[in-house]
Structures are given as structure tokens and as C-alpha cells.
Full PDB file with SEQRES, HELIX, SHEET, SSBOND, CRYST1, ORIGX, SCALE, CONECT and MASTER records, all heavy atoms in Angstrom:
SEQRES   1 A   30  GLY ALA GLY ALA PRO GLY ALA GLY ALA SER ARG ASP PRO          
SEQRES   2 A   30  ASP ARG ASP PRO ASP GLY ASP ALA ALA PHE TRP ASP ILE          
SEQRES   3 A   30  VAL ALA GLY LEU                                              
HELIX    1 AA1 ALA A    9  ARG A   11  5                                   3    
HELIX    2 AA2 ALA A   21  GLY A   29  1                                   9    
CRYST1    1.000    1.000    1.000  90.00  90.00  90.00 P 1           1          
ORIGX1      1.000000  0.000000  0.000000        0.00000                         
ORIGX2      0.000000  1.000000  0.000000        0.00000                         
ORIGX3      0.000000  0.000000  1.000000        0.00000                         
SCALE1      1.000000  0.000000  0.000000        0.00000                         
SCALE2      0.000000  1.000000  0.000000        0.00000                         
SCALE3      0.000000  0.000000  1.000000        0.00000                         
ATOM      1  N   GLY A   1      -8.291  -6.320   1.037  1.00  0.00           N  
ATOM      2  CA  GLY A   1      -7.647  -7.265   1.940  1.00  0.00           C  
ATOM      3  C   GLY A   1      -6.333  -7.779   1.453  1.00  0.00           C  
ATOM      4  O   GLY A   1      -5.720  -8.644   2.065  1.00  0.00           O  
ATOM      5  N   ALA A   2      -5.907  -7.299   0.286  1.00  0.00           N  
ATOM      6  CA  ALA A   2      -4.679  -7.851  -0.343  1.00  0.00           C  
ATOM      7  C   ALA A   2      -3.625  -6.798  -0.548  1.00  0.00           C  
ATOM      8  O   ALA A   2      -2.872  -6.837  -1.478  1.00  0.00           O  
ATOM      9  CB  ALA A   2      -5.034  -8.519  -1.703  1.00  0.00           C  
ATOM     10  N   GLY A   3      -3.592  -5.809   0.393  1.00  0.00           N  
ATOM     11  CA  GLY A   3      -2.772  -4.676   0.231  1.00  0.00           C  
ATOM     12  C   GLY A   3      -1.301  -4.963   0.395  1.00  0.00           C  
ATOM     13  O   GLY A   3      -0.869  -5.720   1.220  1.00  0.00           O  
ATOM     14  N   ALA A   4      -0.524  -4.320  -0.448  1.00  0.00           N  
ATOM     15  CA  ALA A   4       0.948  -4.293  -0.309  1.00  0.00           C  
ATOM     16  C   ALA A   4       1.406  -2.877  -0.347  1.00  0.00           C  
ATOM     17  O   ALA A   4       0.701  -2.020  -0.827  1.00  0.00           O  
ATOM     18  CB  ALA A   4       1.587  -5.103  -1.482  1.00  0.00           C  
ATOM     19  N   PRO A   5       2.538  -2.564   0.218  1.00  0.00           N  
ATOM     20  CA  PRO A   5       2.950  -1.193   0.307  1.00  0.00           C  
ATOM     21  C   PRO A   5       3.191  -0.545  -1.051  1.00  0.00           C  
ATOM     22  O   PRO A   5       3.985  -1.053  -1.843  1.00  0.00           O  
ATOM     23  CB  PRO A   5       4.307  -1.262   1.089  1.00  0.00           C  
ATOM     24  CG  PRO A   5       4.771  -2.654   0.891  1.00  0.00           C  
ATOM     25  CD  PRO A   5       3.568  -3.496   0.765  1.00  0.00           C  
ATOM     26  N   GLY A   6       2.450   0.504  -1.323  1.00  0.00           N  
ATOM     27  CA  GLY A   6       2.587   1.206  -2.576  1.00  0.00           C  
ATOM     28  C   GLY A   6       3.215   2.571  -2.288  1.00  0.00           C  
ATOM     29  O   GLY A   6       4.011   2.746  -1.451  1.00  0.00           O  
ATOM     30  N   ALA A   7       2.714   3.575  -3.068  1.00  0.00           N  
ATOM     31  CA  ALA A   7       3.329   4.877  -2.964  1.00  0.00           C  
ATOM     32  C   ALA A   7       3.100   5.543  -1.609  1.00  0.00           C  
ATOM     33  O   ALA A   7       3.901   6.352  -1.185  1.00  0.00           O  
ATOM     34  CB  ALA A   7       2.723   5.850  -4.031  1.00  0.00           C  
ATOM     35  N   GLY A   8       2.082   5.126  -0.860  1.00  0.00           N  
ATOM     36  CA  GLY A   8       1.842   5.743   0.438  1.00  0.00           C  
ATOM     37  C   GLY A   8       2.409   4.955   1.576  1.00  0.00           C  
ATOM     38  O   GLY A   8       2.154   5.304   2.750  1.00  0.00           O  
ATOM     39  N   ALA A   9       3.172   3.946   1.317  1.00  0.00           N  
ATOM     40  CA  ALA A   9       3.601   3.060   2.426  1.00  0.00           C  
ATOM     41  C   ALA A   9       4.568   3.730   3.347  1.00  0.00           C  
ATOM     42  O   ALA A   9       4.677   3.320   4.504  1.00  0.00           O  
ATOM     43  CB  ALA A   9       4.244   1.807   1.815  1.00  0.00           C  
ATOM     44  N   SER A  10       5.288   4.742   2.895  1.00  0.00           N  
ATOM     45  CA  SER A  10       6.267   5.358   3.776  1.00  0.00           C  
ATOM     46  C   SER A  10       5.588   6.022   4.988  1.00  0.00           C  
ATOM     47  O   SER A  10       6.228   6.268   5.998  1.00  0.00           O  
ATOM     48  CB  SER A  10       7.083   6.415   3.022  1.00  0.00           C  
ATOM     49  OG  SER A  10       6.222   7.414   2.492  1.00  0.00           O  
ATOM     50  N   ARG A  11       4.315   6.326   4.899  1.00  0.00           N  
ATOM     51  CA  ARG A  11       3.604   6.967   6.009  1.00  0.00           C  
ATOM     52  C   ARG A  11       3.270   5.949   7.073  1.00  0.00           C  
ATOM     53  O   ARG A  11       2.853   6.306   8.187  1.00  0.00           O  
ATOM     54  CB  ARG A  11       2.309   7.601   5.542  1.00  0.00           C  
ATOM     55  CG  ARG A  11       2.547   8.792   4.608  1.00  0.00           C  
ATOM     56  CD  ARG A  11       1.307   9.643   4.521  1.00  0.00           C  
ATOM     57  NE  ARG A  11       0.158   8.931   4.065  1.00  0.00           N  
ATOM     58  CZ  ARG A  11      -1.057   9.404   4.150  1.00  0.00           C  
ATOM     59  NH1 ARG A  11      -1.277  10.585   4.568  1.00  0.00           N  
ATOM     60  NH2 ARG A  11      -2.107   8.664   3.682  1.00  0.00           N  
ATOM     61  N   ASP A  12       3.345   4.664   6.837  1.00  0.00           N  
ATOM     62  CA  ASP A  12       2.836   3.666   7.692  1.00  0.00           C  
ATOM     63  C   ASP A  12       3.864   2.554   7.931  1.00  0.00           C  
ATOM     64  O   ASP A  12       4.323   1.931   6.978  1.00  0.00           O  
ATOM     65  CB  ASP A  12       1.589   3.078   7.087  1.00  0.00           C  
ATOM     66  CG  ASP A  12       0.720   2.284   8.060  1.00  0.00           C  
ATOM     67  OD1 ASP A  12       1.316   1.646   8.957  1.00  0.00           O  
ATOM     68  OD2 ASP A  12      -0.503   2.283   7.945  1.00  0.00           O  
ATOM     69  N   PRO A  13       4.254   2.306   9.184  1.00  0.00           N  
ATOM     70  CA  PRO A  13       5.233   1.282   9.457  1.00  0.00           C  
ATOM     71  C   PRO A  13       4.718  -0.148   9.288  1.00  0.00           C  
ATOM     72  O   PRO A  13       5.481  -1.102   9.271  1.00  0.00           O  
ATOM     73  CB  PRO A  13       5.626   1.558  10.882  1.00  0.00           C  
ATOM     74  CG  PRO A  13       4.400   2.174  11.471  1.00  0.00           C  
ATOM     75  CD  PRO A  13       3.817   2.983  10.415  1.00  0.00           C  
ATOM     76  N   ASP A  14       3.410  -0.308   9.213  1.00  0.00           N  
ATOM     77  CA  ASP A  14       2.788  -1.613   9.155  1.00  0.00           C  
ATOM     78  C   ASP A  14       2.787  -2.112   7.691  1.00  0.00           C  
ATOM     79  O   ASP A  14       1.835  -1.926   6.972  1.00  0.00           O  
ATOM     80  CB  ASP A  14       1.347  -1.567   9.702  1.00  0.00           C  
ATOM     81  CG  ASP A  14       0.777  -2.935   9.899  1.00  0.00           C  
ATOM     82  OD1 ASP A  14       1.472  -3.918   9.633  1.00  0.00           O  
ATOM     83  OD2 ASP A  14      -0.388  -2.987  10.320  1.00  0.00           O  
ATOM     84  N   ARG A  15       3.865  -2.752   7.235  1.00  0.00           N  
ATOM     85  CA  ARG A  15       3.977  -3.201   5.836  1.00  0.00           C  
ATOM     86  C   ARG A  15       3.294  -4.516   5.612  1.00  0.00           C  
ATOM     87  O   ARG A  15       3.395  -5.451   6.430  1.00  0.00           O  
ATOM     88  CB  ARG A  15       5.481  -3.325   5.506  1.00  0.00           C  
ATOM     89  CG  ARG A  15       6.240  -1.999   5.615  1.00  0.00           C  
ATOM     90  CD  ARG A  15       5.832  -1.006   4.530  1.00  0.00           C  
ATOM     91  NE  ARG A  15       6.671   0.180   4.538  1.00  0.00           N  
ATOM     92  CZ  ARG A  15       7.543   0.397   3.575  1.00  0.00           C  
ATOM     93  NH1 ARG A  15       7.697  -0.379   2.574  1.00  0.00           N  
ATOM     94  NH2 ARG A  15       8.304   1.521   3.630  1.00  0.00           N  
ATOM     95  N   ASP A  16       2.703  -4.642   4.431  1.00  0.00           N  
ATOM     96  CA  ASP A  16       2.138  -5.935   4.038  1.00  0.00           C  
ATOM     97  C   ASP A  16       3.090  -6.542   3.024  1.00  0.00           C  
ATOM     98  O   ASP A  16       3.334  -5.937   1.962  1.00  0.00           O  
ATOM     99  CB  ASP A  16       0.737  -5.697   3.355  1.00  0.00           C  
ATOM    100  CG  ASP A  16      -0.275  -5.270   4.354  1.00  0.00           C  
ATOM    101  OD1 ASP A  16      -0.300  -5.826   5.469  1.00  0.00           O  
ATOM    102  OD2 ASP A  16      -1.059  -4.335   4.049  1.00  0.00           O  
ATOM    103  N   PRO A  17       3.564  -7.720   3.211  1.00  0.00           N  
ATOM    104  CA  PRO A  17       4.574  -8.285   2.349  1.00  0.00           C  
ATOM    105  C   PRO A  17       4.069  -8.799   0.999  1.00  0.00           C  
ATOM    106  O   PRO A  17       4.766  -8.963   0.062  1.00  0.00           O  
ATOM    107  CB  PRO A  17       5.163  -9.431   3.181  1.00  0.00           C  
ATOM    108  CG  PRO A  17       4.026  -9.836   4.050  1.00  0.00           C  
ATOM    109  CD  PRO A  17       3.271  -8.575   4.417  1.00  0.00           C  
ATOM    110  N   ASP A  18       2.705  -9.083   0.966  1.00  0.00           N  
ATOM    111  CA  ASP A  18       2.166  -9.679  -0.258  1.00  0.00           C  
ATOM    112  C   ASP A  18       0.958  -8.861  -0.697  1.00  0.00           C  
ATOM    113  O   ASP A  18       0.385  -8.126   0.045  1.00  0.00           O  
ATOM    114  CB  ASP A  18       1.764 -11.137  -0.012  1.00  0.00           C  
ATOM    115  CG  ASP A  18       2.894 -11.999   0.488  1.00  0.00           C  
ATOM    116  OD1 ASP A  18       3.892 -12.033  -0.187  1.00  0.00           O  
ATOM    117  OD2 ASP A  18       2.754 -12.546   1.593  1.00  0.00           O  
ATOM    118  N   GLY A  19       0.557  -9.076  -1.928  1.00  0.00           N  
ATOM    119  CA  GLY A  19      -0.707  -8.458  -2.427  1.00  0.00           C  
ATOM    120  C   GLY A  19      -0.525  -7.569  -3.578  1.00  0.00           C  
ATOM    121  O   GLY A  19       0.504  -7.541  -4.230  1.00  0.00           O  
ATOM    122  N   ASP A  20      -1.492  -6.705  -3.812  1.00  0.00           N  
ATOM    123  CA  ASP A  20      -1.595  -5.895  -4.990  1.00  0.00           C  
ATOM    124  C   ASP A  20      -1.206  -4.448  -4.654  1.00  0.00           C  
ATOM    125  O   ASP A  20      -1.936  -3.747  -3.953  1.00  0.00           O  
ATOM    126  CB  ASP A  20      -3.031  -5.933  -5.546  1.00  0.00           C  
ATOM    127  CG  ASP A  20      -3.143  -5.174  -6.858  1.00  0.00           C  
ATOM    128  OD1 ASP A  20      -2.176  -4.606  -7.299  1.00  0.00           O  
ATOM    129  OD2 ASP A  20      -4.297  -5.175  -7.391  1.00  0.00           O  
ATOM    130  N   ALA A  21      -0.082  -4.055  -5.084  1.00  0.00           N  
ATOM    131  CA  ALA A  21       0.415  -2.658  -4.805  1.00  0.00           C  
ATOM    132  C   ALA A  21      -0.507  -1.622  -5.396  1.00  0.00           C  
ATOM    133  O   ALA A  21      -0.528  -0.476  -4.942  1.00  0.00           O  
ATOM    134  CB  ALA A  21       1.865  -2.487  -5.304  1.00  0.00           C  
ATOM    135  N   ALA A  22      -1.256  -1.941  -6.400  1.00  0.00           N  
ATOM    136  CA  ALA A  22      -2.158  -0.970  -7.046  1.00  0.00           C  
ATOM    137  C   ALA A  22      -3.163  -0.410  -6.046  1.00  0.00           C  
ATOM    138  O   ALA A  22      -3.565   0.768  -6.120  1.00  0.00           O  
ATOM    139  CB  ALA A  22      -2.830  -1.558  -8.258  1.00  0.00           C  
ATOM    140  N   PHE A  23      -3.597  -1.251  -5.123  1.00  0.00           N  
ATOM    141  CA  PHE A  23      -4.558  -0.825  -4.129  1.00  0.00           C  
ATOM    142  C   PHE A  23      -4.002   0.330  -3.294  1.00  0.00           C  
ATOM    143  O   PHE A  23      -4.626   1.354  -3.096  1.00  0.00           O  
ATOM    144  CB  PHE A  23      -4.980  -1.972  -3.218  1.00  0.00           C  
ATOM    145  CG  PHE A  23      -5.819  -1.601  -2.067  1.00  0.00           C  
ATOM    146  CD1 PHE A  23      -7.134  -1.287  -2.267  1.00  0.00           C  
ATOM    147  CD2 PHE A  23      -5.290  -1.438  -0.800  1.00  0.00           C  
ATOM    148  CE1 PHE A  23      -7.951  -0.889  -1.207  1.00  0.00           C  
ATOM    149  CE2 PHE A  23      -6.088  -1.038   0.254  1.00  0.00           C  
ATOM    150  CZ  PHE A  23      -7.431  -0.799   0.056  1.00  0.00           C  
ATOM    151  N   TRP A  24      -2.732   0.183  -2.861  1.00  0.00           N  
ATOM    152  CA  TRP A  24      -2.143   1.211  -2.073  1.00  0.00           C  
ATOM    153  C   TRP A  24      -1.731   2.462  -2.880  1.00  0.00           C  
ATOM    154  O   TRP A  24      -1.644   3.535  -2.381  1.00  0.00           O  
ATOM    155  CB  TRP A  24      -0.941   0.638  -1.300  1.00  0.00           C  
ATOM    156  CG  TRP A  24      -1.407  -0.400  -0.358  1.00  0.00           C  
ATOM    157  CD1 TRP A  24      -1.185  -1.739  -0.488  1.00  0.00           C  
ATOM    158  CD2 TRP A  24      -2.221  -0.252   0.786  1.00  0.00           C  
ATOM    159  NE1 TRP A  24      -1.833  -2.426   0.550  1.00  0.00           N  
ATOM    160  CE2 TRP A  24      -2.473  -1.508   1.353  1.00  0.00           C  
ATOM    161  CE3 TRP A  24      -2.787   0.837   1.412  1.00  0.00           C  
ATOM    162  CZ2 TRP A  24      -3.234  -1.724   2.478  1.00  0.00           C  
ATOM    163  CZ3 TRP A  24      -3.588   0.684   2.586  1.00  0.00           C  
ATOM    164  CH2 TRP A  24      -3.795  -0.619   3.075  1.00  0.00           C  
ATOM    165  N   ASP A  25      -1.539   2.232  -4.203  1.00  0.00           N  
ATOM    166  CA  ASP A  25      -1.281   3.327  -5.045  1.00  0.00           C  
ATOM    167  C   ASP A  25      -2.504   4.292  -5.092  1.00  0.00           C  
ATOM    168  O   ASP A  25      -2.331   5.501  -5.073  1.00  0.00           O  
ATOM    169  CB  ASP A  25      -0.966   2.902  -6.491  1.00  0.00           C  
ATOM    170  CG  ASP A  25       0.408   2.281  -6.633  1.00  0.00           C  
ATOM    171  OD1 ASP A  25       1.245   2.523  -5.696  1.00  0.00           O  
ATOM    172  OD2 ASP A  25       0.631   1.524  -7.577  1.00  0.00           O  
ATOM    173  N   ILE A  26      -3.691   3.685  -5.162  1.00  0.00           N  
ATOM    174  CA  ILE A  26      -4.852   4.560  -5.188  1.00  0.00           C  
ATOM    175  C   ILE A  26      -5.133   5.195  -3.862  1.00  0.00           C  
ATOM    176  O   ILE A  26      -5.602   6.347  -3.809  1.00  0.00           O  
ATOM    177  CB  ILE A  26      -6.096   3.741  -5.675  1.00  0.00           C  
ATOM    178  CG1 ILE A  26      -7.223   4.751  -6.084  1.00  0.00           C  
ATOM    179  CG2 ILE A  26      -6.633   2.788  -4.676  1.00  0.00           C  
ATOM    180  CD1 ILE A  26      -8.359   4.093  -6.814  1.00  0.00           C  
ATOM    181  N   VAL A  27      -4.822   4.521  -2.776  1.00  0.00           N  
ATOM    182  CA  VAL A  27      -4.995   5.166  -1.447  1.00  0.00           C  
ATOM    183  C   VAL A  27      -4.093   6.379  -1.382  1.00  0.00           C  
ATOM    184  O   VAL A  27      -4.543   7.450  -0.911  1.00  0.00           O  
ATOM    185  CB  VAL A  27      -4.608   4.133  -0.344  1.00  0.00           C  
ATOM    186  CG1 VAL A  27      -4.565   4.860   1.014  1.00  0.00           C  
ATOM    187  CG2 VAL A  27      -5.604   3.022  -0.299  1.00  0.00           C  
ATOM    188  N   ALA A  28      -2.827   6.240  -1.836  1.00  0.00           N  
ATOM    189  CA  ALA A  28      -1.919   7.385  -1.793  1.00  0.00           C  
ATOM    190  C   ALA A  28      -2.387   8.456  -2.772  1.00  0.00           C  
ATOM    191  O   ALA A  28      -2.290   9.659  -2.448  1.00  0.00           O  
ATOM    192  CB  ALA A  28      -0.499   6.959  -2.190  1.00  0.00           C  
ATOM    193  N   GLY A  29      -2.921   8.088  -3.890  1.00  0.00           N  
ATOM    194  CA  GLY A  29      -3.298   9.049  -4.934  1.00  0.00           C  
ATOM    195  C   GLY A  29      -4.580   9.792  -4.586  1.00  0.00           C  
ATOM    196  O   GLY A  29      -4.810  10.884  -5.112  1.00  0.00           O  
ATOM    197  N   LEU A  30      -5.425   9.266  -3.666  1.00  0.00           N  
ATOM    198  CA  LEU A  30      -6.654   9.940  -3.328  1.00  0.00           C  
ATOM    199  C   LEU A  30      -6.411  11.258  -2.651  1.00  0.00           C  
ATOM    200  O   LEU A  30      -7.237  12.131  -2.635  1.00  0.00           O  
ATOM    201  CB  LEU A  30      -7.520   9.013  -2.501  1.00  0.00           C  
ATOM    202  CG  LEU A  30      -8.302   7.935  -3.227  1.00  0.00           C  
ATOM    203  CD1 LEU A  30      -8.977   6.991  -2.256  1.00  0.00           C  
ATOM    204  CD2 LEU A  30      -9.315   8.532  -4.174  1.00  0.00           C  
TER     205      LEU A  30                                                      
MASTER        0    0    0    2    0    0    0    6  204    1    0    3          
END                                                                             
């Protein structure tokens, strides 16, 4: 629930301004 745009954010226009980028890093890395 605390997502911020990480490595995979370019695929998704819905950016989260705050939170832990590490979460989105693992989403992209999976």
C-alpha cells in the first residue's frame, strides 16, 4: 500500500508520489 514508482513505473501512468520504491523494484524484477 505504500508503492512509489520504481523500475517498472514507466509501464504505468498511474504514479504514486510517496512510499517505498523498493516495492516497485521487486514488481519490475519479478
